[in-house]
PDB file of N, CA and C in Angstrom:
ATOM      1  N   MET A   1       0.848  -1.187   0.000  1.00  0.00           N
ATOM      2  CA  MET A   1       0.000   0.000   0.000  1.00  0.00           C
ATOM      3  C   MET A   1       0.888   1.243   0.000  1.00  0.00           C
ATOM      4  N   ARG A   2       0.587   2.196  -0.851  1.00  0.00           N
ATOM      5  CA  ARG A   2       1.340   3.438  -0.956  1.00  0.00           C
ATOM      6  C   ARG A   2       0.964   4.367   0.197  1.00  0.00           C
ATOM      7  N   ARG A   3       1.975   4.910   0.796  1.00  0.00           N
ATOM      8  CA  ARG A   3       1.749   5.848   1.888  1.00  0.00           C
ATOM      9  C   ARG A   3       1.604   7.249   1.299  1.00  0.00           C
ATOM     10  N   HIS A   4       0.551   7.933   1.661  1.00  0.00           N
ATOM     11  CA  HIS A   4       0.288   9.270   1.144  1.00  0.00           C
ATOM     12  C   HIS A   4       0.790  10.323   2.128  1.00  0.00           C
ATOM     13  N   SER A   5       1.185  11.456   1.575  1.00  0.00           N
ATOM     14  CA  SER A   5       1.603  12.587   2.389  1.00  0.00           C
ATOM     15  C   SER A   5       0.698  13.770   2.095  1.00  0.00           C
ATOM     16  N   TYR A   6       0.387  14.488   3.122  1.00  0.00           N
ATOM     17  CA  TYR A   6      -0.421  15.700   3.019  1.00  0.00           C
ATOM     18  C   TYR A   6       0.294  16.770   3.815  1.00  0.00           C
ATOM     19  N   PHE A   7       0.134  17.994   3.412  1.00  0.00           N
ATOM     20  CA  PHE A   7       0.873  19.083   4.030  1.00  0.00           C
ATOM     21  C   PHE A   7      -0.049  20.230   4.395  1.00  0.00           C
ATOM     22  N   THR A   8       0.106  20.717   5.604  1.00  0.00           N
ATOM     23  CA  THR A   8      -0.476  21.980   6.026  1.00  0.00           C
ATOM     24  C   THR A   8       0.666  22.981   5.912  1.00  0.00           C
ATOM     25  N   TYR A   9       0.409  24.115   5.274  1.00  0.00           N
ATOM     26  CA  TYR A   9       1.519  25.028   4.999  1.00  0.00           C
ATOM     27  C   TYR A   9       1.099  26.481   5.199  1.00  0.00           C
ATOM     28  N   ILE A  10       2.105  27.317   5.370  1.00  0.00           N
ATOM     29  CA  ILE A  10       1.889  28.758   5.484  1.00  0.00           C
ATOM     30  C   ILE A  10       2.806  29.460   4.492  1.00  0.00           C
ATOM     31  N   LEU A  11       2.221  30.363   3.722  1.00  0.00           N
ATOM     32  CA  LEU A  11       2.964  31.224   2.816  1.00  0.00           C
ATOM     33  C   LEU A  11       2.954  32.635   3.398  1.00  0.00           C
ATOM     34  N   ALA A  12       3.972  33.420   3.056  1.00  0.00           N
ATOM     35  CA  ALA A  12       4.049  34.814   3.497  1.00  0.00           C
ATOM     36  C   ALA A  12       4.493  35.688   2.337  1.00  0.00           C
ATOM     37  N   SER A  13       4.081  36.938   2.373  1.00  0.00           N
ATOM     38  CA  SER A  13       4.516  37.886   1.352  1.00  0.00           C
ATOM     39  C   SER A  13       5.958  38.321   1.616  1.00  0.00           C
ATOM     40  N   LYS A  14       6.340  38.381   2.881  1.00  0.00           N
ATOM     41  CA  LYS A  14       7.685  38.730   3.335  1.00  0.00           C
ATOM     42  C   LYS A  14       7.734  38.395   4.820  1.00  0.00           C
ATOM     43  N   ALA A  15       8.888  38.539   5.428  1.00  0.00           N
ATOM     44  CA  ALA A  15       8.995  38.291   6.872  1.00  0.00           C
ATOM     45  C   ALA A  15       8.027  39.210   7.606  1.00  0.00           C
ATOM     46  N   GLY A  16       7.120  38.618   8.366  1.00  0.00           N
ATOM     47  CA  GLY A  16       6.136  39.384   9.110  1.00  0.00           C
ATOM     48  C   GLY A  16       5.011  39.954   8.270  1.00  0.00           C
ATOM     49  N   GLY A  17       4.943  39.567   6.995  1.00  0.00           N
ATOM     50  CA  GLY A  17       3.951  40.124   6.078  1.00  0.00           C
ATOM     51  C   GLY A  17       2.626  39.377   6.086  1.00  0.00           C
ATOM     52  N   THR A  18       1.913  39.515   4.987  1.00  0.00           N
ATOM     53  CA  THR A  18       0.608  38.865   4.819  1.00  0.00           C
ATOM     54  C   THR A  18       0.794  37.352   4.811  1.00  0.00           C
ATOM     55  N   LEU A  19      -0.118  36.626   5.483  1.00  0.00           N
ATOM     56  CA  LEU A  19      -0.024  35.169   5.604  1.00  0.00           C
ATOM     57  C   LEU A  19      -1.177  34.474   4.896  1.00  0.00           C
ATOM     58  N   TYR A  20      -0.904  33.257   4.430  1.00  0.00           N
ATOM     59  CA  TYR A  20      -1.915  32.401   3.813  1.00  0.00           C
ATOM     60  C   TYR A  20      -1.687  30.987   4.329  1.00  0.00           C
ATOM     61  N   VAL A  21      -2.738  30.324   4.790  1.00  0.00           N
ATOM     62  CA  VAL A  21      -2.650  28.958   5.291  1.00  0.00           C
ATOM     63  C   VAL A  21      -3.398  28.052   4.324  1.00  0.00           C
ATOM     64  N   GLY A  22      -2.775  26.920   3.979  1.00  0.00           N
ATOM     65  CA  GLY A  22      -3.409  25.995   3.047  1.00  0.00           C
ATOM     66  C   GLY A  22      -3.066  24.551   3.358  1.00  0.00           C
ATOM     67  N   VAL A  23      -3.636  23.653   2.548  1.00  0.00           N
ATOM     68  CA  VAL A  23      -3.377  22.221   2.675  1.00  0.00           C
ATOM     69  C   VAL A  23      -3.262  21.643   1.273  1.00  0.00           C
ATOM     70  N   THR A  24      -2.394  20.650   1.102  1.00  0.00           N
ATOM     71  CA  THR A  24      -2.177  20.052  -0.213  1.00  0.00           C
ATOM     72  C   THR A  24      -1.580  18.657  -0.062  1.00  0.00           C
ATOM     73  N   ASN A  25      -1.618  17.900  -1.148  1.00  0.00           N
ATOM     74  CA  ASN A  25      -0.939  16.607  -1.155  1.00  0.00           C
ATOM     75  C   ASN A  25       0.370  16.672  -1.942  1.00  0.00           C
ATOM     76  N   ASP A  26       0.668  17.827  -2.535  1.00  0.00           N
ATOM     77  CA  ASP A  26       1.911  18.019  -3.287  1.00  0.00           C
ATOM     78  C   ASP A  26       2.407  19.437  -3.013  1.00  0.00           C
ATOM     79  N   LEU A  27       3.277  19.560  -2.037  1.00  0.00           N
ATOM     80  CA  LEU A  27       3.695  20.869  -1.554  1.00  0.00           C
ATOM     81  C   LEU A  27       4.455  21.675  -2.611  1.00  0.00           C
ATOM     82  N   VAL A  28       5.355  21.041  -3.335  1.00  0.00           N
ATOM     83  CA  VAL A  28       6.129  21.749  -4.355  1.00  0.00           C
ATOM     84  C   VAL A  28       5.203  22.254  -5.463  1.00  0.00           C
ATOM     85  N   ARG A  29       4.357  21.371  -5.970  1.00  0.00           N
ATOM     86  CA  ARG A  29       3.445  21.757  -7.049  1.00  0.00           C
ATOM     87  C   ARG A  29       2.539  22.908  -6.608  1.00  0.00           C
ATOM     88  N   ARG A  30       1.970  22.799  -5.420  1.00  0.00           N
ATOM     89  CA  ARG A  30       1.034  23.820  -4.942  1.00  0.00           C
ATOM     90  C   ARG A  30       1.736  25.158  -4.716  1.00  0.00           C
ATOM     91  N   THR A  31       2.925  25.117  -4.157  1.00  0.00           N
ATOM     92  CA  THR A  31       3.671  26.359  -3.953  1.00  0.00           C
ATOM     93  C   THR A  31       3.981  27.015  -5.294  1.00  0.00           C
ATOM     94  N   MET A  32       4.349  26.211  -6.283  1.00  0.00           N
ATOM     95  CA  MET A  32       4.620  26.745  -7.620  1.00  0.00           C
ATOM     96  C   MET A  32       3.349  27.359  -8.219  1.00  0.00           C
ATOM     97  N   GLN A  33       2.204  26.743  -7.991  1.00  0.00           N
ATOM     98  CA  GLN A  33       0.936  27.304  -8.478  1.00  0.00           C
ATOM     99  C   GLN A  33       0.666  28.670  -7.851  1.00  0.00           C
ATOM    100  N   HIS A  34       0.956  28.795  -6.568  1.00  0.00           N
ATOM    101  CA  HIS A  34       0.785  30.096  -5.906  1.00  0.00           C
ATOM    102  C   HIS A  34       1.701  31.128  -6.559  1.00  0.00           C
ATOM    103  N   ARG A  35       2.935  30.746  -6.845  1.00  0.00           N
ATOM    104  CA  ARG A  35       3.898  31.678  -7.448  1.00  0.00           C
ATOM    105  C   ARG A  35       3.499  32.083  -8.857  1.00  0.00           C
ATOM    106  N   GLU A  36       2.885  31.158  -9.569  1.00  0.00           N
ATOM    107  CA  GLU A  36       2.450  31.434 -10.942  1.00  0.00           C
ATOM    108  C   GLU A  36       1.140  32.218 -10.971  1.00  0.00           C
ATOM    109  N   GLY A  37       0.472  32.311  -9.831  1.00  0.00           N
ATOM    110  CA  GLY A  37      -0.780  33.043  -9.743  1.00  0.00           C
ATOM    111  C   GLY A  37      -2.006  32.238 -10.094  1.00  0.00           C
ATOM    112  N   SER A  38      -1.860  30.920 -10.177  1.00  0.00           N
ATOM    113  CA  SER A  38      -2.996  30.084 -10.575  1.00  0.00           C
ATOM    114  C   SER A  38      -3.671  29.360  -9.408  1.00  0.00           C
ATOM    115  N   ALA A  39      -3.178  29.538  -8.192  1.00  0.00           N
ATOM    116  CA  ALA A  39      -3.718  28.775  -7.066  1.00  0.00           C
ATOM    117  C   ALA A  39      -4.791  29.521  -6.279  1.00  0.00           C
ATOM    118  N   SER A  40      -4.618  30.809  -6.103  1.00  0.00           N
ATOM    119  CA  SER A  40      -5.517  31.565  -5.233  1.00  0.00           C
ATOM    120  C   SER A  40      -5.486  33.034  -5.627  1.00  0.00           C
ATOM    121  N   SER A  41      -6.659  33.627  -5.739  1.00  0.00           N
ATOM    122  CA  SER A  41      -6.700  35.054  -6.058  1.00  0.00           C
ATOM    123  C   SER A  41      -6.122  35.877  -4.904  1.00  0.00           C
ATOM    124  N   PHE A  42      -6.266  35.388  -3.674  1.00  0.00           N
ATOM    125  CA  PHE A  42      -5.714  36.091  -2.513  1.00  0.00           C
ATOM    126  C   PHE A  42      -4.194  36.151  -2.597  1.00  0.00           C
ATOM    127  N   THR A  43      -3.556  34.998  -2.838  1.00  0.00           N
ATOM    128  CA  THR A  43      -2.091  34.989  -2.893  1.00  0.00           C
ATOM    129  C   THR A  43      -1.586  35.762  -4.107  1.00  0.00           C
ATOM    130  N   ARG A  44      -2.338  35.742  -5.170  1.00  0.00           N
ATOM    131  CA  ARG A  44      -1.954  36.516  -6.363  1.00  0.00           C
ATOM    132  C   ARG A  44      -2.053  38.017  -6.078  1.00  0.00           C
ATOM    133  N   ARG A  45      -3.163  38.443  -5.501  1.00  0.00           N
ATOM    134  CA  ARG A  45      -3.395  39.864  -5.222  1.00  0.00           C
ATOM    135  C   ARG A  45      -2.371  40.439  -4.250  1.00  0.00           C
ATOM    136  N   TYR A  46      -2.078  39.690  -3.183  1.00  0.00           N
ATOM    137  CA  TYR A  46      -1.201  40.205  -2.136  1.00  0.00           C
ATOM    138  C   TYR A  46       0.244  39.704  -2.245  1.00  0.00           C
ATOM    139  N   LYS A  47       0.563  39.007  -3.346  1.00  0.00           N
ATOM    140  CA  LYS A  47       1.923  38.521  -3.609  1.00  0.00           C
ATOM    141  C   LYS A  47       2.455  37.680  -2.438  1.00  0.00           C
ATOM    142  N   VAL A  48       1.640  36.725  -2.036  1.00  0.00           N
ATOM    143  CA  VAL A  48       1.988  35.826  -0.931  1.00  0.00           C
ATOM    144  C   VAL A  48       2.524  34.537  -1.561  1.00  0.00           C
ATOM    145  N   HIS A  49       3.851  34.443  -1.686  1.00  0.00           N
ATOM    146  CA  HIS A  49       4.452  33.354  -2.441  1.00  0.00           C
ATOM    147  C   HIS A  49       5.557  32.621  -1.693  1.00  0.00           C
ATOM    148  N   ARG A  50       5.995  33.142  -0.579  1.00  0.00           N
ATOM    149  CA  ARG A  50       7.135  32.568   0.135  1.00  0.00           C
ATOM    150  C   ARG A  50       6.659  31.464   1.085  1.00  0.00           C
ATOM    151  N   LEU A  51       7.132  30.241   0.869  1.00  0.00           N
ATOM    152  CA  LEU A  51       6.800  29.118   1.749  1.00  0.00           C
ATOM    153  C   LEU A  51       7.650  29.250   3.011  1.00  0.00           C
ATOM    154  N   VAL A  52       7.003  29.542   4.142  1.00  0.00           N
ATOM    155  CA  VAL A  52       7.749  29.791   5.376  1.00  0.00           C
ATOM    156  C   VAL A  52       7.525  28.719   6.447  1.00  0.00           C
ATOM    157  N   TYR A  53       6.525  27.849   6.243  1.00  0.00           N
ATOM    158  CA  TYR A  53       6.236  26.826   7.251  1.00  0.00           C
ATOM    159  C   TYR A  53       5.430  25.709   6.605  1.00  0.00           C
ATOM    160  N   PHE A  54       5.714  24.472   7.016  1.00  0.00           N
ATOM    161  CA  PHE A  54       4.851  23.363   6.614  1.00  0.00           C
ATOM    162  C   PHE A  54       4.974  22.213   7.599  1.00  0.00           C
ATOM    163  N   GLU A  55       3.936  21.417   7.642  1.00  0.00           N
ATOM    164  CA  GLU A  55       3.882  20.187   8.430  1.00  0.00           C
ATOM    165  C   GLU A  55       3.440  19.065   7.502  1.00  0.00           C
ATOM    166  N   ALA A  56       4.059  17.912   7.642  1.00  0.00           N
ATOM    167  CA  ALA A  56       3.665  16.736   6.859  1.00  0.00           C
ATOM    168  C   ALA A  56       2.754  15.853   7.711  1.00  0.00           C
ATOM    169  N   HIS A  57       1.726  15.305   7.062  1.00  0.00           N
ATOM    170  CA  HIS A  57       0.768  14.430   7.745  1.00  0.00           C
ATOM    171  C   HIS A  57       0.484  13.222   6.843  1.00  0.00           C
ATOM    172  N   THR A  58       0.113  12.110   7.436  1.00  0.00           N
ATOM    173  CA  THR A  58      -0.278  10.942   6.648  1.00  0.00           C
ATOM    174  C   THR A  58      -1.794  10.819   6.542  1.00  0.00           C
ATOM    175  N   ASP A  59      -2.521  11.547   7.342  1.00  0.00           N
ATOM    176  CA  ASP A  59      -3.980  11.493   7.366  1.00  0.00           C
ATOM    177  C   ASP A  59      -4.544  12.794   6.796  1.00  0.00           C
ATOM    178  N   VAL A  60      -5.234  12.713   5.666  1.00  0.00           N
ATOM    179  CA  VAL A  60      -5.755  13.910   5.014  1.00  0.00           C
ATOM    180  C   VAL A  60      -6.757  14.641   5.908  1.00  0.00           C
ATOM    181  N   GLU A  61      -7.569  13.915   6.633  1.00  0.00           N
ATOM    182  CA  GLU A  61      -8.544  14.565   7.513  1.00  0.00           C
ATOM    183  C   GLU A  61      -7.857  15.368   8.609  1.00  0.00           C
ATOM    184  N   TYR A  62      -6.758  14.829   9.134  1.00  0.00           N
ATOM    185  CA  TYR A  62      -6.016  15.567  10.154  1.00  0.00           C
ATOM    186  C   TYR A  62      -5.376  16.811   9.546  1.00  0.00           C
ATOM    187  N   ALA A  63      -4.816  16.696   8.347  1.00  0.00           N
ATOM    188  CA  ALA A  63      -4.181  17.837   7.674  1.00  0.00           C
ATOM    189  C   ALA A  63      -5.190  18.963   7.464  1.00  0.00           C
ATOM    190  N   ILE A  64      -6.386  18.611   7.030  1.00  0.00           N
ATOM    191  CA  ILE A  64      -7.441  19.610   6.811  1.00  0.00           C
ATOM    192  C   ILE A  64      -7.876  20.233   8.138  1.00  0.00           C
ATOM    193  N   LYS A  65      -8.020  19.398   9.157  1.00  0.00           N
ATOM    194  CA  LYS A  65      -8.408  19.901  10.481  1.00  0.00           C
ATOM    195  C   LYS A  65      -7.350  20.866  11.013  1.00  0.00           C
ATOM    196  N   ARG A  66      -6.090  20.511  10.820  1.00  0.00           N
ATOM    197  CA  ARG A  66      -4.990  21.369  11.281  1.00  0.00           C
ATOM    198  C   ARG A  66      -5.015  22.715  10.539  1.00  0.00           C
ATOM    199  N   GLU A  67      -5.240  22.676   9.226  1.00  0.00           N
ATOM    200  CA  GLU A  67      -5.343  23.904   8.438  1.00  0.00           C
ATOM    201  C   GLU A  67      -6.460  24.799   8.984  1.00  0.00           C
ATOM    202  N   LYS A  68      -7.617  24.229   9.206  1.00  0.00           N
ATOM    203  CA  LYS A  68      -8.751  25.009   9.699  1.00  0.00           C
ATOM    204  C   LYS A  68      -8.468  25.605  11.072  1.00  0.00           C
ATOM    205  N   ASN A  69      -7.794  24.834  11.930  1.00  0.00           N
ATOM    206  CA  ASN A  69      -7.455  25.344  13.265  1.00  0.00           C
ATOM    207  C   ASN A  69      -6.481  26.510  13.179  1.00  0.00           C
ATOM    208  N   ILE A  70      -5.433  26.358  12.378  1.00  0.00           N
ATOM    209  CA  ILE A  70      -4.439  27.428  12.250  1.00  0.00           C
ATOM    210  C   ILE A  70      -5.082  28.680  11.667  1.00  0.00           C
ATOM    211  N   LYS A  71      -5.991  28.520  10.708  1.00  0.00           N
ATOM    212  CA  LYS A  71      -6.663  29.681  10.114  1.00  0.00           C
ATOM    213  C   LYS A  71      -7.429  30.483  11.164  1.00  0.00           C
ATOM    214  N   LYS A  72      -7.911  29.822  12.204  1.00  0.00           N
ATOM    215  CA  LYS A  72      -8.673  30.501  13.260  1.00  0.00           C
ATOM    216  C   LYS A  72      -7.775  31.179  14.293  1.00  0.00           C
ATOM    217  N   TRP A  73      -6.508  30.847  14.282  1.00  0.00           N
ATOM    218  CA  TRP A  73      -5.579  31.391  15.269  1.00  0.00           C
ATOM    219  C   TRP A  73      -5.417  32.901  15.123  1.00  0.00           C
ATOM    220  N   LYS A  74      -5.009  33.525  16.205  1.00  0.00           N
ATOM    221  CA  LYS A  74      -4.592  34.923  16.162  1.00  0.00           C
ATOM    222  C   LYS A  74      -3.316  35.014  15.326  1.00  0.00           C
ATOM    223  N   ARG A  75      -3.142  36.141  14.681  1.00  0.00           N
ATOM    224  CA  ARG A  75      -1.959  36.355  13.849  1.00  0.00           C
ATOM    225  C   ARG A  75      -0.658  36.132  14.639  1.00  0.00           C
ATOM    226  N   ALA A  76      -0.611  36.612  15.871  1.00  0.00           N
ATOM    227  CA  ALA A  76       0.593  36.470  16.700  1.00  0.00           C
ATOM    228  C   ALA A  76       0.967  35.006  16.900  1.00  0.00           C
ATOM    229  N   TRP A  77      -0.015  34.130  17.045  1.00  0.00           N
ATOM    230  CA  TRP A  77       0.245  32.708  17.218  1.00  0.00           C
ATOM    231  C   TRP A  77       0.851  32.106  15.947  1.00  0.00           C
ATOM    232  N   LYS A  78       0.337  32.531  14.785  1.00  0.00           N
ATOM    233  CA  LYS A  78       0.878  32.046  13.511  1.00  0.00           C
ATOM    234  C   LYS A  78       2.326  32.498  13.350  1.00  0.00           C
ATOM    235  N   ILE A  79       2.591  33.747  13.694  1.00  0.00           N
ATOM    236  CA  ILE A  79       3.953  34.271  13.590  1.00  0.00           C
ATOM    237  C   ILE A  79       4.879  33.498  14.520  1.00  0.00           C
ATOM    238  N   GLU A  80       4.417  33.193  15.712  1.00  0.00           N
ATOM    239  CA  GLU A  80       5.219  32.418  16.658  1.00  0.00           C
ATOM    240  C   GLU A  80       5.497  31.012  16.118  1.00  0.00           C
ATOM    241  N   LEU A  81       4.499  30.376  15.529  1.00  0.00           N
ATOM    242  CA  LEU A  81       4.669  29.044  14.954  1.00  0.00           C
ATOM    243  C   LEU A  81       5.743  29.064  13.870  1.00  0.00           C
ATOM    244  N   ILE A  82       5.672  30.036  12.982  1.00  0.00           N
ATOM    245  CA  ILE A  82       6.667  30.159  11.909  1.00  0.00           C
ATOM    246  C   ILE A  82       8.045  30.429  12.494  1.00  0.00           C
ATOM    247  N   SER A  83       8.121  31.375  13.395  1.00  0.00           N
ATOM    248  CA  SER A  83       9.414  31.814  13.935  1.00  0.00           C
ATOM    249  C   SER A  83      10.136  30.732  14.728  1.00  0.00           C
ATOM    250  N   LYS A  84       9.400  29.805  15.320  1.00  0.00           N
ATOM    251  CA  LYS A  84      10.036  28.718  16.076  1.00  0.00           C
ATOM    252  C   LYS A  84      10.873  27.819  15.169  1.00  0.00           C
ATOM    253  N   SER A  85      10.370  27.505  13.989  1.00  0.00           N
ATOM    254  CA  SER A  85      11.090  26.598  13.095  1.00  0.00           C
ATOM    255  C   SER A  85      11.843  27.311  11.984  1.00  0.00           C
ATOM    256  N   ASN A  86      11.503  28.570  11.731  1.00  0.00           N
ATOM    257  CA  ASN A  86      12.111  29.329  10.637  1.00  0.00           C
ATOM    258  C   ASN A  86      12.266  30.788  11.093  1.00  0.00           C
ATOM    259  N   PRO A  87      13.182  31.045  12.031  1.00  0.00           N
ATOM    260  CA  PRO A  87      13.271  32.368  12.642  1.00  0.00           C
ATOM    261  C   PRO A  87      13.553  33.513  11.667  1.00  0.00           C
ATOM    262  N   ASP A  88      14.223  33.241  10.572  1.00  0.00           N
ATOM    263  CA  ASP A  88      14.524  34.284   9.590  1.00  0.00           C
ATOM    264  C   ASP A  88      13.520  34.320   8.440  1.00  0.00           C
ATOM    265  N   TRP A  89      12.499  33.491   8.519  1.00  0.00           N
ATOM    266  CA  TRP A  89      11.438  33.434   7.511  1.00  0.00           C
ATOM    267  C   TRP A  89      12.007  33.187   6.106  1.00  0.00           C
ATOM    268  N   HIS A  90      12.990  32.290   6.023  1.00  0.00           N
ATOM    269  CA  HIS A  90      13.551  31.925   4.722  1.00  0.00           C
ATOM    270  C   HIS A  90      12.494  31.210   3.893  1.00  0.00           C
ATOM    271  N   ASP A  91      12.595  31.333   2.587  1.00  0.00           N
ATOM    272  CA  ASP A  91      11.737  30.590   1.675  1.00  0.00           C
ATOM    273  C   ASP A  91      12.207  29.134   1.688  1.00  0.00           C
ATOM    274  N   LEU A  92      11.328  28.218   2.059  1.00  0.00           N
ATOM    275  CA  LEU A  92      11.693  26.814   2.211  1.00  0.00           C
ATOM    276  C   LEU A  92      11.629  26.031   0.899  1.00  0.00           C
ATOM    277  N   LEU A  93      11.027  26.593  -0.131  1.00  0.00           N
ATOM    278  CA  LEU A  93      10.881  25.871  -1.401  1.00  0.00           C
ATOM    279  C   LEU A  93      12.218  25.466  -2.022  1.00  0.00           C
ATOM    280  N   PRO A  94      13.235  26.327  -2.080  1.00  0.00           N
ATOM    281  CA  PRO A  94      14.503  25.894  -2.688  1.00  0.00           C
ATOM    282  C   PRO A  94      15.080  24.635  -2.042  1.00  0.00           C
ATOM    283  N   GLY A  95      14.954  24.509  -0.742  1.00  0.00           N
ATOM    284  CA  GLY A  95      15.436  23.313  -0.053  1.00  0.00           C
ATOM    285  C   GLY A  95      14.649  22.065  -0.461  1.00  0.00           C
ATOM    286  N   LEU A  96      13.348  22.220  -0.676  1.00  0.00           N
ATOM    287  CA  LEU A  96      12.535  21.091  -1.109  1.00  0.00           C
ATOM    288  C   LEU A  96      12.901  20.683  -2.531  1.00  0.00           C
ATOM    289  N   LEU A  97      13.188  21.665  -3.376  1.00  0.00           N
ATOM    290  CA  LEU A  97      13.560  21.375  -4.757  1.00  0.00           C
ATOM    291  C   LEU A  97      14.903  20.654  -4.814  1.00  0.00           C
ATOM    292  N   ARG A  98      15.854  21.039  -3.962  1.00  0.00           N
ATOM    293  CA  ARG A  98      17.165  20.375  -3.921  1.00  0.00           C
ATOM    294  C   ARG A  98      17.062  18.955  -3.414  1.00  0.00           C
ATOM    295  N   SER A  99      16.168  18.727  -2.436  1.00  0.00           N
ATOM    296  CA  SER A  99      16.059  17.397  -1.859  1.00  0.00           C
ATOM    297  C   SER A  99      15.186  16.462  -2.675  1.00  0.00           C
ATOM    298  N   GLY A 100      14.439  17.027  -3.640  1.00  0.00           N
ATOM    299  CA  GLY A 100      13.606  16.200  -4.502  1.00  0.00           C
ATOM    300  C   GLY A 100      12.292  15.771  -3.896  1.00  0.00           C
ATOM    301  N   ASP A 101      11.880  16.398  -2.786  1.00  0.00           N
ATOM    302  CA  ASP A 101      10.600  16.047  -2.143  1.00  0.00           C
ATOM    303  C   ASP A 101       9.421  16.545  -2.933  1.00  0.00           C
TER     304      ASP A 101
END
C-alpha cells in the first residue's frame, strides 16, 4: 500500500507580512501554483508566495483539520509558529527542490 503525504503550509509575502494557510498533497506543485498566480486570487493579489512553514501528515482529515485550526488562530500565534522553526522566515521551497521532495 502506498503511503500518502499531506501538508499543512503557510505562505508569506515577506517576513512578518501577509499570511496564507493551506493544505495540499503536493507541496512543491502547490507552492509553484501560488507563485504562478494560478492557485488563489488572494495569494496573487497580495503577492503571498514565500513558503515559510509546513507540516507533513499521513492522514488527510487531520491535515485539513490542522489547516482550519491554524486559520482561526490569532496572527501572533501564527507568527510564533513560523518563527520557532524558521526564525529568519527563509523561503523553504529551494530546499525542497534540492532534496527532490
